[in-house]
């Protein structure tokens, strides 16, 4: 069975139109104005997110016994509790917590200053 050379030509011509619409669609998309994006609405950080960030900051802060400080957050108010050896460390813990995005206030009234084992 012999093939006619024009059969190959017909296949080549038939394949060309299928490529042309792709190029046209691409050109149309690039020529038009950029699509309008909806404005981003910023949600305040959740209490759980704030608690996680404060705890991480306390654990990694220099001269703050972050593992000994408990952190709870309610409506952006961070409550610190636990034992810290010195007032300076308590103050650094408060400053560290205040630096976290979303923190409205810090309550450190439950932090006990001094040696945790002294009462035992």
PDB file of N, CA and C in Angstrom:
ATOM      1  N   UNK A   1       0.830  -1.167   0.000  1.00  0.00           N
ATOM      2  CA  UNK A   1       0.000   0.000   0.000  1.00  0.00           C
ATOM      3  C   UNK A   1       0.877   1.233   0.000  1.00  0.00           C
ATOM      4  N   UNK A   2       0.675   2.074  -0.968  1.00  0.00           N
ATOM      5  CA  UNK A   2       1.462   3.291  -1.117  1.00  0.00           C
ATOM      6  C   UNK A   2       0.703   4.467  -0.528  1.00  0.00           C
ATOM      7  N   UNK A   3       1.480   5.393   0.067  1.00  0.00           N
ATOM      8  CA  UNK A   3       0.878   6.621   0.603  1.00  0.00           C
ATOM      9  C   UNK A   3       1.163   7.767  -0.334  1.00  0.00           C
ATOM     10  N   UNK A   4       0.205   8.589  -0.473  1.00  0.00           N
ATOM     11  CA  UNK A   4       0.349   9.735  -1.346  1.00  0.00           C
ATOM     12  C   UNK A   4       0.946  10.884  -0.543  1.00  0.00           C
ATOM     13  N   UNK A   5       1.922  11.603  -1.101  1.00  0.00           N
ATOM     14  CA  UNK A   5       2.554  12.709  -0.383  1.00  0.00           C
ATOM     15  C   UNK A   5       1.557  13.806  -0.003  1.00  0.00           C
ATOM     16  N   UNK A   6       0.492  13.991  -0.739  1.00  0.00           N
ATOM     17  CA  UNK A   6      -0.464  15.040  -0.388  1.00  0.00           C
ATOM     18  C   UNK A   6      -1.220  14.702   0.891  1.00  0.00           C
ATOM     19  N   UNK A   7      -1.278  13.439   1.259  1.00  0.00           N
ATOM     20  CA  UNK A   7      -1.904  13.033   2.521  1.00  0.00           C
ATOM     21  C   UNK A   7      -1.158  13.617   3.708  1.00  0.00           C
ATOM     22  N   UNK A   8       0.139  13.662   3.617  1.00  0.00           N
ATOM     23  CA  UNK A   8       0.930  14.268   4.674  1.00  0.00           C
ATOM     24  C   UNK A   8       0.703  15.765   4.720  1.00  0.00           C
ATOM     25  N   UNK A   9       0.540  16.359   3.545  1.00  0.00           N
ATOM     26  CA  UNK A   9       0.301  17.792   3.483  1.00  0.00           C
ATOM     27  C   UNK A   9      -1.039  18.142   4.124  1.00  0.00           C
ATOM     28  N   UNK A  10      -2.028  17.335   3.890  1.00  0.00           N
ATOM     29  CA  UNK A  10      -3.346  17.587   4.469  1.00  0.00           C
ATOM     30  C   UNK A  10      -3.274  17.483   5.992  1.00  0.00           C
ATOM     31  N   UNK A  11      -2.530  16.521   6.501  1.00  0.00           N
ATOM     32  CA  UNK A  11      -2.386  16.396   7.947  1.00  0.00           C
ATOM     33  C   UNK A  11      -1.691  17.615   8.530  1.00  0.00           C
ATOM     34  N   UNK A  12      -0.672  18.098   7.860  1.00  0.00           N
ATOM     35  CA  UNK A  12       0.049  19.265   8.354  1.00  0.00           C
ATOM     36  C   UNK A  12      -0.846  20.489   8.354  1.00  0.00           C
ATOM     37  N   UNK A  13      -1.637  20.674   7.320  1.00  0.00           N
ATOM     38  CA  UNK A  13      -2.543  21.820   7.240  1.00  0.00           C
ATOM     39  C   UNK A  13      -3.639  21.692   8.282  1.00  0.00           C
ATOM     40  N   UNK A  14      -4.119  20.496   8.506  1.00  0.00           N
ATOM     41  CA  UNK A  14      -5.177  20.286   9.486  1.00  0.00           C
ATOM     42  C   UNK A  14      -4.676  20.563  10.896  1.00  0.00           C
ATOM     43  N   UNK A  15      -3.399  20.357  11.171  1.00  0.00           N
ATOM     44  CA  UNK A  15      -2.852  20.576  12.507  1.00  0.00           C
ATOM     45  C   UNK A  15      -2.636  22.049  12.802  1.00  0.00           C
ATOM     46  N   UNK A  16      -2.401  22.854  11.803  1.00  0.00           N
ATOM     47  CA  UNK A  16      -2.119  24.273  12.006  1.00  0.00           C
ATOM     48  C   UNK A  16      -3.282  25.019  12.653  1.00  0.00           C
ATOM     49  N   UNK A  17      -4.531  24.865  12.213  1.00  0.00           N
ATOM     50  CA  UNK A  17      -5.611  25.623  12.843  1.00  0.00           C
ATOM     51  C   UNK A  17      -5.799  25.322  14.331  1.00  0.00           C
ATOM     52  N   UNK A  18      -5.440  24.132  14.781  1.00  0.00           N
ATOM     53  CA  UNK A  18      -5.608  23.847  16.204  1.00  0.00           C
ATOM     54  C   UNK A  18      -4.617  24.618  17.055  1.00  0.00           C
ATOM     55  N   UNK A  19      -3.494  25.015  16.519  1.00  0.00           N
ATOM     56  CA  UNK A  19      -2.517  25.798  17.277  1.00  0.00           C
ATOM     57  C   UNK A  19      -2.859  27.272  17.267  1.00  0.00           C
ATOM     58  N   UNK A  20      -3.458  27.763  16.220  1.00  0.00           N
ATOM     59  CA  UNK A  20      -3.723  29.189  16.080  1.00  0.00           C
ATOM     60  C   UNK A  20      -4.640  29.740  17.174  1.00  0.00           C
ATOM     61  N   UNK A  21      -5.752  29.087  17.532  1.00  0.00           N
ATOM     62  CA  UNK A  21      -6.600  29.665  18.578  1.00  0.00           C
ATOM     63  C   UNK A  21      -5.898  29.786  19.917  1.00  0.00           C
ATOM     64  N   UNK A  22      -4.961  28.900  20.212  1.00  0.00           N
ATOM     65  CA  UNK A  22      -4.239  28.977  21.476  1.00  0.00           C
ATOM     66  C   UNK A  22      -3.422  30.254  21.518  1.00  0.00           C
ATOM     67  N   UNK A  23      -2.717  30.545  20.426  1.00  0.00           N
ATOM     68  CA  UNK A  23      -1.914  31.763  20.375  1.00  0.00           C
ATOM     69  C   UNK A  23      -2.798  32.993  20.450  1.00  0.00           C
ATOM     70  N   UNK A  24      -3.940  32.975  19.779  1.00  0.00           N
ATOM     71  CA  UNK A  24      -4.847  34.118  19.801  1.00  0.00           C
ATOM     72  C   UNK A  24      -5.397  34.349  21.211  1.00  0.00           C
ATOM     73  N   UNK A  25      -5.773  33.283  21.889  1.00  0.00           N
ATOM     74  CA  UNK A  25      -6.309  33.421  23.245  1.00  0.00           C
ATOM     75  C   UNK A  25      -5.243  33.981  24.177  1.00  0.00           C
ATOM     76  N   UNK A  26      -4.017  33.531  24.014  1.00  0.00           N
ATOM     77  CA  UNK A  26      -2.938  34.032  24.847  1.00  0.00           C
ATOM     78  C   UNK A  26      -2.713  35.507  24.591  1.00  0.00           C
ATOM     79  N   UNK A  27      -2.725  35.910  23.334  1.00  0.00           N
ATOM     80  CA  UNK A  27      -2.526  37.310  23.004  1.00  0.00           C
ATOM     81  C   UNK A  27      -3.656  38.166  23.557  1.00  0.00           C
ATOM     82  N   UNK A  28      -4.883  37.695  23.472  1.00  0.00           N
ATOM     83  CA  UNK A  28      -6.014  38.453  23.979  1.00  0.00           C
ATOM     84  C   UNK A  28      -5.892  38.648  25.483  1.00  0.00           C
ATOM     85  N   UNK A  29      -5.482  37.606  26.200  1.00  0.00           N
ATOM     86  CA  UNK A  29      -5.354  37.710  27.645  1.00  0.00           C
ATOM     87  C   UNK A  29      -4.271  38.701  28.029  1.00  0.00           C
ATOM     88  N   UNK A  30      -3.187  38.749  27.266  1.00  0.00           N
ATOM     89  CA  UNK A  30      -2.086  39.636  27.593  1.00  0.00           C
ATOM     90  C   UNK A  30      -2.399  41.077  27.228  1.00  0.00           C
ATOM     91  N   UNK A  31      -3.211  41.306  26.220  1.00  0.00           N
ATOM     92  CA  UNK A  31      -3.479  42.664  25.762  1.00  0.00           C
ATOM     93  C   UNK A  31      -4.497  43.393  26.622  1.00  0.00           C
ATOM     94  N   UNK A  32      -5.394  42.680  27.268  1.00  0.00           N
ATOM     95  CA  UNK A  32      -6.444  43.307  28.059  1.00  0.00           C
ATOM     96  C   UNK A  32      -5.902  43.883  29.351  1.00  0.00           C
ATOM     97  N   UNK A  33      -6.736  44.677  30.039  1.00  0.00           N
ATOM     98  CA  UNK A  33      -6.301  45.247  31.319  1.00  0.00           C
ATOM     99  C   UNK A  33      -6.172  44.139  32.366  1.00  0.00           C
ATOM    100  N   UNK A  34      -5.358  44.366  33.394  1.00  0.00           N
ATOM    101  CA  UNK A  34      -5.197  43.336  34.415  1.00  0.00           C
ATOM    102  C   UNK A  34      -6.513  43.121  35.158  1.00  0.00           C
ATOM    103  N   UNK A  35      -6.776  41.908  35.576  1.00  0.00           N
ATOM    104  CA  UNK A  35      -8.027  41.652  36.282  1.00  0.00           C
ATOM    105  C   UNK A  35      -8.079  42.412  37.595  1.00  0.00           C
ATOM    106  N   UNK A  36      -9.258  42.834  37.971  1.00  0.00           N
ATOM    107  CA  UNK A  36      -9.434  43.571  39.217  1.00  0.00           C
ATOM    108  C   UNK A  36      -9.424  42.591  40.378  1.00  0.00           C
ATOM    109  N   UNK A  37      -8.645  42.894  41.392  1.00  0.00           N
ATOM    110  CA  UNK A  37      -8.570  42.045  42.578  1.00  0.00           C
ATOM    111  C   UNK A  37      -9.425  42.677  43.671  1.00  0.00           C
ATOM    112  N   UNK A  38     -10.095  41.845  44.426  1.00  0.00           N
ATOM    113  CA  UNK A  38     -10.862  42.342  45.561  1.00  0.00           C
ATOM    114  C   UNK A  38      -9.887  42.839  46.617  1.00  0.00           C
ATOM    115  N   UNK A  39     -10.201  43.953  47.286  1.00  0.00           N
ATOM    116  CA  UNK A  39      -9.283  44.456  48.307  1.00  0.00           C
ATOM    117  C   UNK A  39      -9.158  43.445  49.443  1.00  0.00           C
ATOM    118  N   UNK A  40      -7.937  43.286  49.918  1.00  0.00           N
ATOM    119  CA  UNK A  40      -7.698  42.348  51.010  1.00  0.00           C
ATOM    120  C   UNK A  40      -8.245  42.923  52.306  1.00  0.00           C
ATOM    121  N   UNK A  41      -8.971  42.115  53.015  1.00  0.00           N
ATOM    122  CA  UNK A  41      -9.478  42.545  54.314  1.00  0.00           C
ATOM    123  C   UNK A  41      -8.616  41.905  55.381  1.00  0.00           C
ATOM    124  N   UNK A  42      -8.067  42.739  56.234  1.00  0.00           N
ATOM    125  CA  UNK A  42      -7.195  42.225  57.272  1.00  0.00           C
ATOM    126  C   UNK A  42      -8.012  41.892  58.499  1.00  0.00           C
ATOM    127  N   UNK A  43      -7.890  40.649  58.926  1.00  0.00           N
ATOM    128  CA  UNK A  43      -8.553  40.183  60.116  1.00  0.00           C
ATOM    129  C   UNK A  43      -7.573  40.272  61.268  1.00  0.00           C
ATOM    130  N   UNK A  44      -8.013  40.683  62.448  1.00  0.00           N
ATOM    131  CA  UNK A  44      -7.076  40.697  63.568  1.00  0.00           C
ATOM    132  C   UNK A  44      -6.653  39.270  63.909  1.00  0.00           C
ATOM    133  N   UNK A  45      -5.445  39.114  64.400  1.00  0.00           N
ATOM    134  CA  UNK A  45      -4.980  37.771  64.743  1.00  0.00           C
ATOM    135  C   UNK A  45      -5.876  37.140  65.810  1.00  0.00           C
ATOM    136  N   UNK A  46      -6.042  35.836  65.734  1.00  0.00           N
ATOM    137  CA  UNK A  46      -6.855  35.136  66.724  1.00  0.00           C
ATOM    138  C   UNK A  46      -6.093  35.033  68.044  1.00  0.00           C
ATOM    139  N   UNK A  47      -6.837  34.794  69.123  1.00  0.00           N
ATOM    140  CA  UNK A  47      -6.208  34.631  70.429  1.00  0.00           C
ATOM    141  C   UNK A  47      -5.233  33.458  70.435  1.00  0.00           C
ATOM    142  N   UNK A  48      -5.589  32.383  69.763  1.00  0.00           N
ATOM    143  CA  UNK A  48      -4.702  31.219  69.705  1.00  0.00           C
ATOM    144  C   UNK A  48      -3.401  31.566  68.988  1.00  0.00           C
ATOM    145  N   UNK A  49      -3.515  32.345  67.903  1.00  0.00           N
ATOM    146  CA  UNK A  49      -2.314  32.769  67.161  1.00  0.00           C
ATOM    147  C   UNK A  49      -1.440  33.646  68.052  1.00  0.00           C
ATOM    148  N   UNK A  50      -2.069  34.591  68.766  1.00  0.00           N
ATOM    149  CA  UNK A  50      -1.317  35.488  69.655  1.00  0.00           C
ATOM    150  C   UNK A  50      -0.614  34.682  70.740  1.00  0.00           C
ATOM    151  N   UNK A  51      -1.344  33.747  71.368  1.00  0.00           N
ATOM    152  CA  UNK A  51      -0.753  32.918  72.421  1.00  0.00           C
ATOM    153  C   UNK A  51       0.458  32.165  71.897  1.00  0.00           C
ATOM    154  N   UNK A  52       0.340  31.569  70.733  1.00  0.00           N
ATOM    155  CA  UNK A  52       1.446  30.812  70.137  1.00  0.00           C
ATOM    156  C   UNK A  52       2.645  31.702  69.875  1.00  0.00           C
ATOM    157  N   UNK A  53       2.396  32.879  69.308  1.00  0.00           N
ATOM    158  CA  UNK A  53       3.497  33.796  68.989  1.00  0.00           C
ATOM    159  C   UNK A  53       4.173  34.322  70.255  1.00  0.00           C
ATOM    160  N   UNK A  54       3.383  34.665  71.278  1.00  0.00           N
ATOM    161  CA  UNK A  54       3.962  35.166  72.529  1.00  0.00           C
ATOM    162  C   UNK A  54       4.803  34.071  73.178  1.00  0.00           C
ATOM    163  N   UNK A  55       4.266  32.863  73.252  1.00  0.00           N
ATOM    164  CA  UNK A  55       5.012  31.766  73.878  1.00  0.00           C
ATOM    165  C   UNK A  55       6.315  31.520  73.133  1.00  0.00           C
ATOM    166  N   UNK A  56       6.273  31.502  71.820  1.00  0.00           N
ATOM    167  CA  UNK A  56       7.490  31.294  71.024  1.00  0.00           C
ATOM    168  C   UNK A  56       8.499  32.415  71.276  1.00  0.00           C
ATOM    169  N   UNK A  57       8.016  33.638  71.362  1.00  0.00           N
ATOM    170  CA  UNK A  57       8.912  34.778  71.610  1.00  0.00           C
ATOM    171  C   UNK A  57       9.533  34.685  72.997  1.00  0.00           C
ATOM    172  N   UNK A  58       8.752  34.249  73.988  1.00  0.00           N
ATOM    173  CA  UNK A  58       9.285  34.127  75.345  1.00  0.00           C
ATOM    174  C   UNK A  58      10.326  33.018  75.437  1.00  0.00           C
ATOM    175  N   UNK A  59      10.085  31.914  74.771  1.00  0.00           N
ATOM    176  CA  UNK A  59      11.012  30.783  74.816  1.00  0.00           C
ATOM    177  C   UNK A  59      12.335  31.146  74.159  1.00  0.00           C
ATOM    178  N   UNK A  60      12.294  31.962  73.125  1.00  0.00           N
ATOM    179  CA  UNK A  60      13.526  32.307  72.404  1.00  0.00           C
ATOM    180  C   UNK A  60      14.173  33.602  72.893  1.00  0.00           C
ATOM    181  N   UNK A  61      13.516  34.332  73.787  1.00  0.00           N
ATOM    182  CA  UNK A  61      14.076  35.597  74.288  1.00  0.00           C
ATOM    183  C   UNK A  61      15.247  35.331  75.231  1.00  0.00           C
ATOM    184  N   UNK A  62      16.241  36.184  75.140  1.00  0.00           N
ATOM    185  CA  UNK A  62      17.397  36.072  76.026  1.00  0.00           C
ATOM    186  C   UNK A  62      17.000  36.520  77.435  1.00  0.00           C
ATOM    187  N   UNK A  63      17.486  35.814  78.425  1.00  0.00           N
ATOM    188  CA  UNK A  63      17.269  36.164  79.832  1.00  0.00           C
ATOM    189  C   UNK A  63      15.803  36.211  80.259  1.00  0.00           C
ATOM    190  N   UNK A  64      14.972  35.401  79.612  1.00  0.00           N
ATOM    191  CA  UNK A  64      13.576  35.254  80.031  1.00  0.00           C
ATOM    192  C   UNK A  64      13.320  33.754  80.157  1.00  0.00           C
ATOM    193  N   UNK A  65      12.867  33.299  81.327  1.00  0.00           N
ATOM    194  CA  UNK A  65      12.601  31.863  81.475  1.00  0.00           C
ATOM    195  C   UNK A  65      11.269  31.476  80.827  1.00  0.00           C
ATOM    196  N   UNK A  66      11.250  31.507  79.522  1.00  0.00           N
ATOM    197  CA  UNK A  66      10.023  31.298  78.758  1.00  0.00           C
ATOM    198  C   UNK A  66       9.330  29.977  79.016  1.00  0.00           C
ATOM    199  N   UNK A  67      10.085  28.945  79.356  1.00  0.00           N
ATOM    200  CA  UNK A  67       9.477  27.644  79.623  1.00  0.00           C
ATOM    201  C   UNK A  67       8.714  27.650  80.950  1.00  0.00           C
ATOM    202  N   UNK A  68       9.019  28.590  81.813  1.00  0.00           N
ATOM    203  CA  UNK A  68       8.359  28.665  83.123  1.00  0.00           C
ATOM    204  C   UNK A  68       7.181  29.638  83.137  1.00  0.00           C
ATOM    205  N   UNK A  69       6.901  30.247  82.011  1.00  0.00           N
ATOM    206  CA  UNK A  69       5.815  31.229  81.937  1.00  0.00           C
ATOM    207  C   UNK A  69       4.672  30.653  81.114  1.00  0.00           C
ATOM    208  N   UNK A  70       3.485  30.646  81.693  1.00  0.00           N
ATOM    209  CA  UNK A  70       2.283  30.218  80.968  1.00  0.00           C
ATOM    210  C   UNK A  70       1.671  31.443  80.303  1.00  0.00           C
ATOM    211  N   UNK A  71       1.090  31.236  79.127  1.00  0.00           N
ATOM    212  CA  UNK A  71       0.503  32.323  78.346  1.00  0.00           C
ATOM    213  C   UNK A  71      -0.934  31.965  77.993  1.00  0.00           C
ATOM    214  N   UNK A  72      -1.843  32.863  78.254  1.00  0.00           N
ATOM    215  CA  UNK A  72      -3.236  32.739  77.832  1.00  0.00           C
ATOM    216  C   UNK A  72      -3.642  34.068  77.211  1.00  0.00           C
ATOM    217  N   UNK A  73      -4.551  34.011  76.251  1.00  0.00           N
ATOM    218  CA  UNK A  73      -5.002  35.233  75.579  1.00  0.00           C
ATOM    219  C   UNK A  73      -6.514  35.225  75.487  1.00  0.00           C
ATOM    220  N   UNK A  74      -7.121  36.349  75.836  1.00  0.00           N
ATOM    221  CA  UNK A  74      -8.561  36.532  75.686  1.00  0.00           C
ATOM    222  C   UNK A  74      -8.806  37.905  75.075  1.00  0.00           C
ATOM    223  N   UNK A  75      -9.391  37.906  73.885  1.00  0.00           N
ATOM    224  CA  UNK A  75      -9.699  39.136  73.140  1.00  0.00           C
ATOM    225  C   UNK A  75      -8.508  40.092  73.068  1.00  0.00           C
ATOM    226  N   UNK A  76      -7.340  39.537  72.789  1.00  0.00           N
ATOM    227  CA  UNK A  76      -6.142  40.351  72.606  1.00  0.00           C
ATOM    228  C   UNK A  76      -5.395  40.694  73.882  1.00  0.00           C
ATOM    229  N   UNK A  77      -5.957  40.349  75.038  1.00  0.00           N
ATOM    230  CA  UNK A  77      -5.266  40.586  76.301  1.00  0.00           C
ATOM    231  C   UNK A  77      -4.486  39.332  76.665  1.00  0.00           C
ATOM    232  N   UNK A  78      -3.182  39.484  76.816  1.00  0.00           N
ATOM    233  CA  UNK A  78      -2.295  38.371  77.142  1.00  0.00           C
ATOM    234  C   UNK A  78      -2.103  38.332  78.648  1.00  0.00           C
ATOM    235  N   UNK A  79      -2.322  37.148  79.230  1.00  0.00           N
ATOM    236  CA  UNK A  79      -2.115  36.953  80.663  1.00  0.00           C
ATOM    237  C   UNK A  79      -0.921  36.036  80.861  1.00  0.00           C
ATOM    238  N   UNK A  80       0.065  36.526  81.582  1.00  0.00           N
ATOM    239  CA  UNK A  80       1.274  35.759  81.870  1.00  0.00           C
ATOM    240  C   UNK A  80       1.195  35.259  83.306  1.00  0.00           C
ATOM    241  N   UNK A  81       1.547  33.992  83.508  1.00  0.00           N
ATOM    242  CA  UNK A  81       1.577  33.441  84.862  1.00  0.00           C
ATOM    243  C   UNK A  81       2.749  32.479  84.974  1.00  0.00           C
ATOM    244  N   UNK A  82       3.135  32.176  86.212  1.00  0.00           N
ATOM    245  CA  UNK A  82       4.258  31.287  86.451  1.00  0.00           C
ATOM    246  C   UNK A  82       5.287  31.969  87.325  1.00  0.00           C
ATOM    247  N   UNK A  83       6.468  31.382  87.364  1.00  0.00           N
ATOM    248  CA  UNK A  83       7.550  31.903  88.204  1.00  0.00           C
ATOM    249  C   UNK A  83       8.667  32.487  87.352  1.00  0.00           C
ATOM    250  N   UNK A  84       9.171  33.637  87.782  1.00  0.00           N
ATOM    251  CA  UNK A  84      10.379  34.214  87.196  1.00  0.00           C
ATOM    252  C   UNK A  84      11.288  34.617  88.356  1.00  0.00           C
ATOM    253  N   UNK A  85      12.578  34.415  88.217  1.00  0.00           N
ATOM    254  CA  UNK A  85      13.491  34.711  89.320  1.00  0.00           C
ATOM    255  C   UNK A  85      13.588  36.197  89.692  1.00  0.00           C
ATOM    256  N   UNK A  86      13.510  37.095  88.712  1.00  0.00           N
ATOM    257  CA  UNK A  86      13.726  38.522  89.018  1.00  0.00           C
ATOM    258  C   UNK A  86      12.647  39.404  88.385  1.00  0.00           C
ATOM    259  N   UNK A  87      12.524  40.593  88.925  1.00  0.00           N
ATOM    260  CA  UNK A  87      11.590  41.577  88.368  1.00  0.00           C
ATOM    261  C   UNK A  87      12.009  41.967  86.954  1.00  0.00           C
ATOM    262  N   UNK A  88      13.314  42.031  86.706  1.00  0.00           N
ATOM    263  CA  UNK A  88      13.808  42.374  85.369  1.00  0.00           C
ATOM    264  C   UNK A  88      13.336  41.348  84.336  1.00  0.00           C
ATOM    265  N   UNK A  89      13.352  40.079  84.698  1.00  0.00           N
ATOM    266  CA  UNK A  89      12.894  39.050  83.771  1.00  0.00           C
ATOM    267  C   UNK A  89      11.383  39.164  83.543  1.00  0.00           C
ATOM    268  N   UNK A  90      10.651  39.508  84.584  1.00  0.00           N
ATOM    269  CA  UNK A  90       9.205  39.711  84.430  1.00  0.00           C
ATOM    270  C   UNK A  90       8.945  40.893  83.492  1.00  0.00           C
ATOM    271  N   UNK A  91       9.718  41.964  83.677  1.00  0.00           N
ATOM    272  CA  UNK A  91       9.560  43.139  82.812  1.00  0.00           C
ATOM    273  C   UNK A  91       9.892  42.816  81.363  1.00  0.00           C
ATOM    274  N   UNK A  92      10.957  42.024  81.149  1.00  0.00           N
ATOM    275  CA  UNK A  92      11.327  41.637  79.778  1.00  0.00           C
ATOM    276  C   UNK A  92      10.251  40.754  79.154  1.00  0.00           C
ATOM    277  N   UNK A  93       9.635  39.908  79.959  1.00  0.00           N
ATOM    278  CA  UNK A  93       8.561  39.050  79.449  1.00  0.00           C
ATOM    279  C   UNK A  93       7.379  39.903  78.991  1.00  0.00           C
ATOM    280  N   UNK A  94       7.047  40.937  79.757  1.00  0.00           N
ATOM    281  CA  UNK A  94       5.943  41.831  79.387  1.00  0.00           C
ATOM    282  C   UNK A  94       6.276  42.582  78.102  1.00  0.00           C
ATOM    283  N   UNK A  95       7.481  43.119  78.016  1.00  0.00           N
ATOM    284  CA  UNK A  95       7.895  43.850  76.811  1.00  0.00           C
ATOM    285  C   UNK A  95       7.873  42.929  75.598  1.00  0.00           C
ATOM    286  N   UNK A  96       8.360  41.706  75.763  1.00  0.00           N
ATOM    287  CA  UNK A  96       8.370  40.727  74.669  1.00  0.00           C
ATOM    288  C   UNK A  96       6.956  40.437  74.195  1.00  0.00           C
ATOM    289  N   UNK A  97       6.037  40.249  75.120  1.00  0.00           N
ATOM    290  CA  UNK A  97       4.642  39.953  74.765  1.00  0.00           C
ATOM    291  C   UNK A  97       3.998  41.139  74.048  1.00  0.00           C
ATOM    292  N   UNK A  98       4.281  42.339  74.495  1.00  0.00           N
ATOM    293  CA  UNK A  98       3.676  43.539  73.883  1.00  0.00           C
ATOM    294  C   UNK A  98       4.099  43.741  72.437  1.00  0.00           C
ATOM    295  N   UNK A  99       5.232  43.210  72.072  1.00  0.00           N
ATOM    296  CA  UNK A  99       5.743  43.392  70.704  1.00  0.00           C
ATOM    297  C   UNK A  99       5.035  42.524  69.673  1.00  0.00           C
ATOM    298  N   UNK A 100       4.233  41.584  70.118  1.00  0.00           N
ATOM    299  CA  UNK A 100       3.566  40.665  69.190  1.00  0.00           C
ATOM    300  C   UNK A 100       2.345  41.352  68.589  1.00  0.00           C
ATOM    301  N   UNK A 101       2.205  41.213  67.275  1.00  0.00           N
ATOM    302  CA  UNK A 101       1.078  41.796  66.552  1.00  0.00           C
ATOM    303  C   UNK A 101      -0.245  41.273  67.104  1.00  0.00           C
ATOM    304  N   UNK A 102      -1.175  42.161  67.371  1.00  0.00           N
ATOM    305  CA  UNK A 102      -2.495  41.779  67.853  1.00  0.00           C
ATOM    306  C   UNK A 102      -2.655  41.879  69.353  1.00  0.00           C
ATOM    307  N   UNK A 103      -1.553  42.007  70.098  1.00  0.00           N
ATOM    308  CA  UNK A 103      -1.639  42.110  71.553  1.00  0.00           C
ATOM    309  C   UNK A 103      -2.176  43.492  71.917  1.00  0.00           C
ATOM    310  N   UNK A 104      -3.298  43.501  72.634  1.00  0.00           N
ATOM    311  CA  UNK A 104      -3.915  44.756  73.067  1.00  0.00           C
ATOM    312  C   UNK A 104      -3.337  45.219  74.405  1.00  0.00           C
ATOM    313  N   UNK A 105      -3.146  44.272  75.319  1.00  0.00           N
ATOM    314  CA  UNK A 105      -2.572  44.582  76.628  1.00  0.00           C
ATOM    315  C   UNK A 105      -1.967  43.311  77.212  1.00  0.00           C
ATOM    316  N   UNK A 106      -1.145  43.495  78.246  1.00  0.00           N
ATOM    317  CA  UNK A 106      -0.496  42.365  78.903  1.00  0.00           C
ATOM    318  C   UNK A 106      -0.767  42.459  80.401  1.00  0.00           C
ATOM    319  N   UNK A 107      -1.267  41.368  80.962  1.00  0.00           N
ATOM    320  CA  UNK A 107      -1.517  41.273  82.398  1.00  0.00           C
ATOM    321  C   UNK A 107      -0.489  40.322  82.987  1.00  0.00           C
ATOM    322  N   UNK A 108       0.404  40.855  83.809  1.00  0.00           N
ATOM    323  CA  UNK A 108       1.443  40.022  84.411  1.00  0.00           C
ATOM    324  C   UNK A 108       1.231  39.864  85.911  1.00  0.00           C
ATOM    325  N   UNK A 109       0.029  40.158  86.390  1.00  0.00           N
ATOM    326  CA  UNK A 109      -0.236  40.110  87.829  1.00  0.00           C
ATOM    327  C   UNK A 109      -0.123  38.695  88.398  1.00  0.00           C
ATOM    328  N   UNK A 110      -0.203  37.668  87.575  1.00  0.00           N
ATOM    329  CA  UNK A 110      -0.079  36.295  88.056  1.00  0.00           C
ATOM    330  C   UNK A 110       1.355  35.771  87.983  1.00  0.00           C
ATOM    331  N   UNK A 111       2.297  36.605  87.558  1.00  0.00           N
ATOM    332  CA  UNK A 111       3.703  36.193  87.566  1.00  0.00           C
ATOM    333  C   UNK A 111       4.231  36.301  88.999  1.00  0.00           C
ATOM    334  N   UNK A 112       4.837  35.228  89.474  1.00  0.00           N
ATOM    335  CA  UNK A 112       5.407  35.225  90.811  1.00  0.00           C
ATOM    336  C   UNK A 112       6.914  35.429  90.669  1.00  0.00           C
ATOM    337  N   UNK A 113       7.412  36.437  91.357  1.00  0.00           N
ATOM    338  CA  UNK A 113       8.824  36.793  91.242  1.00  0.00           C
ATOM    339  C   UNK A 113       9.583  36.205  92.434  1.00  0.00           C
ATOM    340  N   UNK A 114      10.660  35.530  92.130  1.00  0.00           N
ATOM    341  CA  UNK A 114      11.488  34.912  93.168  1.00  0.00           C
ATOM    342  C   UNK A 114      11.710  33.458  92.844  1.00  0.00           C
ATOM    343  N   UNK A 115      12.443  32.802  93.722  1.00  0.00           N
ATOM    344  CA  UNK A 115      12.776  31.394  93.522  1.00  0.00           C
ATOM    345  C   UNK A 115      11.536  30.529  93.680  1.00  0.00           C
ATOM    346  N   UNK A 116      11.216  29.754  92.661  1.00  0.00           N
ATOM    347  CA  UNK A 116      10.021  28.906  92.666  1.00  0.00           C
ATOM    348  C   UNK A 116      10.111  27.812  93.715  1.00  0.00           C
ATOM    349  N   UNK A 117      11.315  27.382  94.082  1.00  0.00           N
ATOM    350  CA  UNK A 117      11.469  26.292  95.044  1.00  0.00           C
ATOM    351  C   UNK A 117      11.534  26.782  96.484  1.00  0.00           C
ATOM    352  N   UNK A 118      11.558  28.086  96.704  1.00  0.00           N
ATOM    353  CA  UNK A 118      11.701  28.629  98.058  1.00  0.00           C
ATOM    354  C   UNK A 118      10.502  28.306  98.931  1.00  0.00           C
ATOM    355  N   UNK A 119       9.321  28.164  98.339  1.00  0.00           N
ATOM    356  CA  UNK A 119       8.128  27.897  99.121  1.00  0.00           C
ATOM    357  C   UNK A 119       7.953  26.443  99.472  1.00  0.00           C
ATOM    358  N   UNK A 120       8.826  25.551  99.013  1.00  0.00           N
ATOM    359  CA  UNK A 120       8.650  24.108  99.250  1.00  0.00           C
ATOM    360  C   UNK A 120       9.444  23.636 100.403  1.00  0.00           C
TER     361      UNK A 120
END
